[in-house]
């Protein structure tokens, strides 16, 4: 992702967190750290991984961590 993708990424992460009633909205610092962890990926791949995570019967019950997103992208989930 590029720095110019941060706003879109932040919005996606907020939208994703809204699906999990027990999850708190990520702080600005958490969003920045999550973004840095996934920076090597295109924003489209991150969006697809978020979508796949929501559909995952096991992992999808919990708010994803960057490692969960990477697993979805790499097909290891």
PDB file of N, CA and C in Angstrom:
ATOM      1  N   UNK A   1       0.846  -1.162   0.000  1.00  0.00           N
ATOM      2  CA  UNK A   1       0.000   0.000   0.000  1.00  0.00           C
ATOM      3  C   UNK A   1       0.901   1.237   0.000  1.00  0.00           C
ATOM      4  N   UNK A   2       0.339   2.290  -0.494  1.00  0.00           N
ATOM      5  CA  UNK A   2       1.029   3.580  -0.486  1.00  0.00           C
ATOM      6  C   UNK A   2       0.468   4.420   0.661  1.00  0.00           C
ATOM      7  N   UNK A   3       1.219   5.426   1.054  1.00  0.00           N
ATOM      8  CA  UNK A   3       0.744   6.313   2.123  1.00  0.00           C
ATOM      9  C   UNK A   3      -0.608   6.918   1.780  1.00  0.00           C
ATOM     10  N   UNK A   4      -0.839   7.146   0.493  1.00  0.00           N
ATOM     11  CA  UNK A   4      -2.118   7.718   0.064  1.00  0.00           C
ATOM     12  C   UNK A   4      -3.288   6.746   0.278  1.00  0.00           C
ATOM     13  N   UNK A   5      -3.001   5.480   0.547  1.00  0.00           N
ATOM     14  CA  UNK A   5      -4.043   4.483   0.814  1.00  0.00           C
ATOM     15  C   UNK A   5      -4.466   4.444   2.283  1.00  0.00           C
ATOM     16  N   UNK A   6      -3.758   5.189   3.140  1.00  0.00           N
ATOM     17  CA  UNK A   6      -4.019   5.073   4.574  1.00  0.00           C
ATOM     18  C   UNK A   6      -5.462   5.432   4.939  1.00  0.00           C
ATOM     19  N   UNK A   7      -5.991   6.481   4.352  1.00  0.00           N
ATOM     20  CA  UNK A   7      -7.362   6.880   4.681  1.00  0.00           C
ATOM     21  C   UNK A   7      -8.357   5.779   4.322  1.00  0.00           C
ATOM     22  N   UNK A   8      -8.216   5.208   3.132  1.00  0.00           N
ATOM     23  CA  UNK A   8      -9.108   4.117   2.718  1.00  0.00           C
ATOM     24  C   UNK A   8      -8.917   2.898   3.618  1.00  0.00           C
ATOM     25  N   UNK A   9      -7.669   2.587   3.945  1.00  0.00           N
ATOM     26  CA  UNK A   9      -7.373   1.458   4.829  1.00  0.00           C
ATOM     27  C   UNK A   9      -8.017   1.679   6.199  1.00  0.00           C
ATOM     28  N   UNK A  10      -7.846   2.877   6.727  1.00  0.00           N
ATOM     29  CA  UNK A  10      -8.396   3.208   8.035  1.00  0.00           C
ATOM     30  C   UNK A  10      -9.915   3.047   8.040  1.00  0.00           C
ATOM     31  N   UNK A  11     -10.549   3.485   6.995  1.00  0.00           N
ATOM     32  CA  UNK A  11     -12.000   3.353   6.874  1.00  0.00           C
ATOM     33  C   UNK A  11     -12.407   1.878   6.799  1.00  0.00           C
ATOM     34  N   UNK A  12     -11.675   1.081   6.027  1.00  0.00           N
ATOM     35  CA  UNK A  12     -11.968  -0.359   5.926  1.00  0.00           C
ATOM     36  C   UNK A  12     -11.826  -1.019   7.286  1.00  0.00           C
ATOM     37  N   UNK A  13     -10.770  -0.649   8.028  1.00  0.00           N
ATOM     38  CA  UNK A  13     -10.540  -1.251   9.333  1.00  0.00           C
ATOM     39  C   UNK A  13     -11.659  -0.871  10.309  1.00  0.00           C
ATOM     40  N   UNK A  14     -12.103   0.375  10.264  1.00  0.00           N
ATOM     41  CA  UNK A  14     -13.233   0.789  11.101  1.00  0.00           C
ATOM     42  C   UNK A  14     -14.496   0.013  10.739  1.00  0.00           C
ATOM     43  N   UNK A  15     -14.749  -0.133   9.449  1.00  0.00           N
ATOM     44  CA  UNK A  15     -15.927  -0.877   9.001  1.00  0.00           C
ATOM     45  C   UNK A  15     -15.844  -2.336   9.442  1.00  0.00           C
ATOM     46  N   UNK A  16     -14.670  -2.912   9.340  1.00  0.00           N
ATOM     47  CA  UNK A  16     -14.479  -4.296   9.756  1.00  0.00           C
ATOM     48  C   UNK A  16     -14.730  -4.445  11.256  1.00  0.00           C
ATOM     49  N   UNK A  17     -14.184  -3.547  12.054  1.00  0.00           N
ATOM     50  CA  UNK A  17     -14.355  -3.611  13.508  1.00  0.00           C
ATOM     51  C   UNK A  17     -15.824  -3.515  13.902  1.00  0.00           C
ATOM     52  N   UNK A  18     -16.620  -2.827  13.103  1.00  0.00           N
ATOM     53  CA  UNK A  18     -18.044  -2.671  13.414  1.00  0.00           C
ATOM     54  C   UNK A  18     -18.799  -4.002  13.377  1.00  0.00           C
ATOM     55  N   UNK A  19     -18.249  -5.005  12.715  1.00  0.00           N
ATOM     56  CA  UNK A  19     -18.885  -6.323  12.661  1.00  0.00           C
ATOM     57  C   UNK A  19     -18.724  -7.091  13.969  1.00  0.00           C
ATOM     58  N   UNK A  20     -17.787  -6.669  14.802  1.00  0.00           N
ATOM     59  CA  UNK A  20     -17.456  -7.404  16.016  1.00  0.00           C
ATOM     60  C   UNK A  20     -17.905  -6.596  17.236  1.00  0.00           C
ATOM     61  N   UNK A  21     -19.032  -6.975  17.842  1.00  0.00           N
ATOM     62  CA  UNK A  21     -19.608  -6.172  18.921  1.00  0.00           C
ATOM     63  C   UNK A  21     -18.688  -6.008  20.130  1.00  0.00           C
ATOM     64  N   UNK A  22     -17.810  -6.950  20.373  1.00  0.00           N
ATOM     65  CA  UNK A  22     -16.927  -6.840  21.539  1.00  0.00           C
ATOM     66  C   UNK A  22     -15.612  -6.129  21.211  1.00  0.00           C
ATOM     67  N   UNK A  23     -15.377  -5.861  19.943  1.00  0.00           N
ATOM     68  CA  UNK A  23     -14.134  -5.185  19.547  1.00  0.00           C
ATOM     69  C   UNK A  23     -14.286  -3.680  19.697  1.00  0.00           C
ATOM     70  N   UNK A  24     -13.235  -3.064  20.186  1.00  0.00           N
ATOM     71  CA  UNK A  24     -13.201  -1.609  20.251  1.00  0.00           C
ATOM     72  C   UNK A  24     -12.686  -1.087  18.920  1.00  0.00           C
ATOM     73  N   UNK A  25     -13.106   0.095  18.558  1.00  0.00           N
ATOM     74  CA  UNK A  25     -12.577   0.710  17.340  1.00  0.00           C
ATOM     75  C   UNK A  25     -11.073   0.892  17.519  1.00  0.00           C
ATOM     76  N   UNK A  26     -10.282   0.551  16.513  1.00  0.00           N
ATOM     77  CA  UNK A  26      -8.837   0.695  16.645  1.00  0.00           C
ATOM     78  C   UNK A  26      -8.439   2.165  16.809  1.00  0.00           C
ATOM     79  N   UNK A  27      -7.435   2.390  17.633  1.00  0.00           N
ATOM     80  CA  UNK A  27      -6.923   3.742  17.834  1.00  0.00           C
ATOM     81  C   UNK A  27      -6.105   4.153  16.607  1.00  0.00           C
ATOM     82  N   UNK A  28      -5.785   5.419  16.525  1.00  0.00           N
ATOM     83  CA  UNK A  28      -4.957   5.910  15.414  1.00  0.00           C
ATOM     84  C   UNK A  28      -3.609   5.197  15.392  1.00  0.00           C
ATOM     85  N   UNK A  29      -3.034   4.975  16.551  1.00  0.00           N
ATOM     86  CA  UNK A  29      -1.751   4.267  16.621  1.00  0.00           C
ATOM     87  C   UNK A  29      -1.855   2.822  16.165  1.00  0.00           C
ATOM     88  N   UNK A  30      -2.946   2.155  16.552  1.00  0.00           N
ATOM     89  CA  UNK A  30      -3.150   0.770  16.130  1.00  0.00           C
ATOM     90  C   UNK A  30      -3.356   0.687  14.625  1.00  0.00           C
ATOM     91  N   UNK A  31      -4.100   1.631  14.071  1.00  0.00           N
ATOM     92  CA  UNK A  31      -4.312   1.655  12.623  1.00  0.00           C
ATOM     93  C   UNK A  31      -2.987   1.849  11.896  1.00  0.00           C
ATOM     94  N   UNK A  32      -2.161   2.747  12.394  1.00  0.00           N
ATOM     95  CA  UNK A  32      -0.862   2.999  11.764  1.00  0.00           C
ATOM     96  C   UNK A  32       0.024   1.759  11.827  1.00  0.00           C
ATOM     97  N   UNK A  33       0.010   1.059  12.961  1.00  0.00           N
ATOM     98  CA  UNK A  33       0.820  -0.146  13.098  1.00  0.00           C
ATOM     99  C   UNK A  33       0.308  -1.250  12.175  1.00  0.00           C
ATOM    100  N   UNK A  34      -0.999  -1.426  12.114  1.00  0.00           N
ATOM    101  CA  UNK A  34      -1.632  -2.419  11.237  1.00  0.00           C
ATOM    102  C   UNK A  34      -1.252  -2.105   9.789  1.00  0.00           C
ATOM    103  N   UNK A  35      -1.342  -0.831   9.417  1.00  0.00           N
ATOM    104  CA  UNK A  35      -1.010  -0.387   8.066  1.00  0.00           C
ATOM    105  C   UNK A  35       0.449  -0.707   7.738  1.00  0.00           C
ATOM    106  N   UNK A  36       1.356  -0.407   8.654  1.00  0.00           N
ATOM    107  CA  UNK A  36       2.782  -0.692   8.420  1.00  0.00           C
ATOM    108  C   UNK A  36       3.024  -2.183   8.256  1.00  0.00           C
ATOM    109  N   UNK A  37       2.314  -2.993   9.032  1.00  0.00           N
ATOM    110  CA  UNK A  37       2.496  -4.444   8.961  1.00  0.00           C
ATOM    111  C   UNK A  37       2.066  -5.010   7.607  1.00  0.00           C
ATOM    112  N   UNK A  38       1.115  -4.340   6.961  1.00  0.00           N
ATOM    113  CA  UNK A  38       0.582  -4.823   5.687  1.00  0.00           C
ATOM    114  C   UNK A  38       1.035  -3.968   4.495  1.00  0.00           C
ATOM    115  N   UNK A  39       1.954  -3.055   4.726  1.00  0.00           N
ATOM    116  CA  UNK A  39       2.341  -2.071   3.714  1.00  0.00           C
ATOM    117  C   UNK A  39       2.846  -2.684   2.404  1.00  0.00           C
ATOM    118  N   UNK A  40       3.380  -3.884   2.452  1.00  0.00           N
ATOM    119  CA  UNK A  40       3.906  -4.515   1.240  1.00  0.00           C
ATOM    120  C   UNK A  40       2.795  -5.008   0.305  1.00  0.00           C
ATOM    121  N   UNK A  41       1.564  -5.046   0.806  1.00  0.00           N
ATOM    122  CA  UNK A  41       0.444  -5.560   0.017  1.00  0.00           C
ATOM    123  C   UNK A  41      -0.280  -4.431  -0.709  1.00  0.00           C
ATOM    124  N   UNK A  42      -0.832  -4.717  -1.874  1.00  0.00           N
ATOM    125  CA  UNK A  42      -1.702  -3.727  -2.513  1.00  0.00           C
ATOM    126  C   UNK A  42      -3.003  -3.593  -1.715  1.00  0.00           C
ATOM    127  N   UNK A  43      -3.579  -2.419  -1.728  1.00  0.00           N
ATOM    128  CA  UNK A  43      -4.819  -2.173  -0.975  1.00  0.00           C
ATOM    129  C   UNK A  43      -5.927  -3.133  -1.405  1.00  0.00           C
ATOM    130  N   UNK A  44      -5.949  -3.501  -2.678  1.00  0.00           N
ATOM    131  CA  UNK A  44      -6.972  -4.440  -3.174  1.00  0.00           C
ATOM    132  C   UNK A  44      -6.821  -5.811  -2.520  1.00  0.00           C
ATOM    133  N   UNK A  45      -5.588  -6.233  -2.294  1.00  0.00           N
ATOM    134  CA  UNK A  45      -5.348  -7.526  -1.644  1.00  0.00           C
ATOM    135  C   UNK A  45      -5.802  -7.475  -0.185  1.00  0.00           C
ATOM    136  N   UNK A  46      -5.579  -6.338   0.469  1.00  0.00           N
ATOM    137  CA  UNK A  46      -6.013  -6.182   1.854  1.00  0.00           C
ATOM    138  C   UNK A  46      -7.532  -6.227   1.932  1.00  0.00           C
ATOM    139  N   UNK A  47      -8.202  -5.538   1.018  1.00  0.00           N
ATOM    140  CA  UNK A  47      -9.672  -5.554   0.999  1.00  0.00           C
ATOM    141  C   UNK A  47     -10.192  -6.974   0.779  1.00  0.00           C
ATOM    142  N   UNK A  48      -9.597  -7.689  -0.147  1.00  0.00           N
ATOM    143  CA  UNK A  48     -10.008  -9.075  -0.408  1.00  0.00           C
ATOM    144  C   UNK A  48      -9.773  -9.958   0.813  1.00  0.00           C
ATOM    145  N   UNK A  49      -8.662  -9.733   1.498  1.00  0.00           N
ATOM    146  CA  UNK A  49      -8.361 -10.523   2.692  1.00  0.00           C
ATOM    147  C   UNK A  49      -9.340 -10.205   3.819  1.00  0.00           C
ATOM    148  N   UNK A  50      -9.707  -8.926   3.972  1.00  0.00           N
ATOM    149  CA  UNK A  50     -10.725  -8.576   4.967  1.00  0.00           C
ATOM    150  C   UNK A  50     -12.035  -9.284   4.641  1.00  0.00           C
ATOM    151  N   UNK A  51     -12.430  -9.263   3.375  1.00  0.00           N
ATOM    152  CA  UNK A  51     -13.665  -9.931   2.957  1.00  0.00           C
ATOM    153  C   UNK A  51     -13.598 -11.431   3.241  1.00  0.00           C
ATOM    154  N   UNK A  52     -12.468 -12.048   2.906  1.00  0.00           N
ATOM    155  CA  UNK A  52     -12.297 -13.481   3.139  1.00  0.00           C
ATOM    156  C   UNK A  52     -12.314 -13.794   4.632  1.00  0.00           C
ATOM    157  N   UNK A  53     -11.708 -12.930   5.423  1.00  0.00           N
ATOM    158  CA  UNK A  53     -11.693 -13.155   6.873  1.00  0.00           C
ATOM    159  C   UNK A  53     -13.117 -13.180   7.431  1.00  0.00           C
ATOM    160  N   UNK A  54     -13.945 -12.254   6.992  1.00  0.00           N
ATOM    161  CA  UNK A  54     -15.328 -12.220   7.462  1.00  0.00           C
ATOM    162  C   UNK A  54     -16.083 -13.503   7.142  1.00  0.00           C
ATOM    163  N   UNK A  55     -15.723 -14.137   6.038  1.00  0.00           N
ATOM    164  CA  UNK A  55     -16.410 -15.360   5.605  1.00  0.00           C
ATOM    165  C   UNK A  55     -15.832 -16.624   6.237  1.00  0.00           C
ATOM    166  N   UNK A  56     -14.666 -16.528   6.838  1.00  0.00           N
ATOM    167  CA  UNK A  56     -13.984 -17.691   7.405  1.00  0.00           C
ATOM    168  C   UNK A  56     -14.750 -18.178   8.635  1.00  0.00           C
ATOM    169  N   UNK A  57     -15.247 -19.428   8.629  1.00  0.00           N
ATOM    170  CA  UNK A  57     -16.066 -19.909   9.739  1.00  0.00           C
ATOM    171  C   UNK A  57     -15.332 -19.975  11.073  1.00  0.00           C
ATOM    172  N   UNK A  58     -14.036 -20.142  11.070  1.00  0.00           N
ATOM    173  CA  UNK A  58     -13.272 -20.217  12.312  1.00  0.00           C
ATOM    174  C   UNK A  58     -12.719 -18.851  12.721  1.00  0.00           C
ATOM    175  N   UNK A  59     -11.843 -18.319  11.889  1.00  0.00           N
ATOM    176  CA  UNK A  59     -11.174 -17.058  12.224  1.00  0.00           C
ATOM    177  C   UNK A  59     -12.107 -15.857  12.131  1.00  0.00           C
ATOM    178  N   UNK A  60     -13.104 -15.951  11.299  1.00  0.00           N
ATOM    179  CA  UNK A  60     -13.996 -14.831  11.066  1.00  0.00           C
ATOM    180  C   UNK A  60     -14.843 -14.429  12.255  1.00  0.00           C
ATOM    181  N   UNK A  61     -14.813 -15.231  13.312  1.00  0.00           N
ATOM    182  CA  UNK A  61     -15.572 -14.889  14.515  1.00  0.00           C
ATOM    183  C   UNK A  61     -14.862 -13.831  15.356  1.00  0.00           C
ATOM    184  N   UNK A  62     -13.598 -13.554  15.017  1.00  0.00           N
ATOM    185  CA  UNK A  62     -12.780 -12.635  15.796  1.00  0.00           C
ATOM    186  C   UNK A  62     -12.192 -11.546  14.911  1.00  0.00           C
ATOM    187  N   UNK A  63     -11.976 -10.382  15.480  1.00  0.00           N
ATOM    188  CA  UNK A  63     -11.332  -9.282  14.766  1.00  0.00           C
ATOM    189  C   UNK A  63      -9.953  -9.749  14.311  1.00  0.00           C
ATOM    190  N   UNK A  64      -9.619  -9.538  13.043  1.00  0.00           N
ATOM    191  CA  UNK A  64      -8.335 -10.038  12.558  1.00  0.00           C
ATOM    192  C   UNK A  64      -7.147  -9.212  13.052  1.00  0.00           C
ATOM    193  N   UNK A  65      -6.047  -9.891  13.172  1.00  0.00           N
ATOM    194  CA  UNK A  65      -4.754  -9.271  13.412  1.00  0.00           C
ATOM    195  C   UNK A  65      -4.049  -9.178  12.057  1.00  0.00           C
ATOM    196  N   UNK A  66      -2.993  -8.390  11.949  1.00  0.00           N
ATOM    197  CA  UNK A  66      -2.267  -8.353  10.672  1.00  0.00           C
ATOM    198  C   UNK A  66      -1.850  -9.746  10.185  1.00  0.00           C
ATOM    199  N   UNK A  67      -1.458 -10.622  11.106  1.00  0.00           N
ATOM    200  CA  UNK A  67      -1.074 -11.976  10.706  1.00  0.00           C
ATOM    201  C   UNK A  67      -2.224 -12.753  10.072  1.00  0.00           C
ATOM    202  N   UNK A  68      -3.450 -12.508  10.529  1.00  0.00           N
ATOM    203  CA  UNK A  68      -4.618 -13.152   9.938  1.00  0.00           C
ATOM    204  C   UNK A  68      -4.833 -12.680   8.513  1.00  0.00           C
ATOM    205  N   UNK A  69      -4.620 -11.388   8.286  1.00  0.00           N
ATOM    206  CA  UNK A  69      -4.773 -10.827   6.943  1.00  0.00           C
ATOM    207  C   UNK A  69      -3.710 -11.412   6.024  1.00  0.00           C
ATOM    208  N   UNK A  70      -2.464 -11.474   6.512  1.00  0.00           N
ATOM    209  CA  UNK A  70      -1.379 -12.054   5.716  1.00  0.00           C
ATOM    210  C   UNK A  70      -1.690 -13.521   5.378  1.00  0.00           C
ATOM    211  N   UNK A  71      -2.229 -14.263   6.340  1.00  0.00           N
ATOM    212  CA  UNK A  71      -2.578 -15.664   6.113  1.00  0.00           C
ATOM    213  C   UNK A  71      -3.629 -15.779   5.010  1.00  0.00           C
ATOM    214  N   UNK A  72      -4.602 -14.895   5.023  1.00  0.00           N
ATOM    215  CA  UNK A  72      -5.625 -14.911   3.971  1.00  0.00           C
ATOM    216  C   UNK A  72      -4.988 -14.635   2.610  1.00  0.00           C
ATOM    217  N   UNK A  73      -4.115 -13.657   2.559  1.00  0.00           N
ATOM    218  CA  UNK A  73      -3.459 -13.307   1.298  1.00  0.00           C
ATOM    219  C   UNK A  73      -2.604 -14.459   0.800  1.00  0.00           C
ATOM    220  N   UNK A  74      -1.903 -15.104   1.699  1.00  0.00           N
ATOM    221  CA  UNK A  74      -1.008 -16.194   1.324  1.00  0.00           C
ATOM    222  C   UNK A  74      -1.736 -17.528   1.159  1.00  0.00           C
ATOM    223  N   UNK A  75      -3.033 -17.536   1.436  1.00  0.00           N
ATOM    224  CA  UNK A  75      -3.807 -18.757   1.260  1.00  0.00           C
ATOM    225  C   UNK A  75      -3.600 -19.775   2.348  1.00  0.00           C
ATOM    226  N   UNK A  76      -3.034 -19.347   3.473  1.00  0.00           N
ATOM    227  CA  UNK A  76      -2.735 -20.278   4.556  1.00  0.00           C
ATOM    228  C   UNK A  76      -3.828 -20.344   5.606  1.00  0.00           C
ATOM    229  N   UNK A  77      -4.859 -19.535   5.443  1.00  0.00           N
ATOM    230  CA  UNK A  77      -5.909 -19.523   6.470  1.00  0.00           C
ATOM    231  C   UNK A  77      -6.826 -20.716   6.327  1.00  0.00           C
TER     232      UNK A  77
END
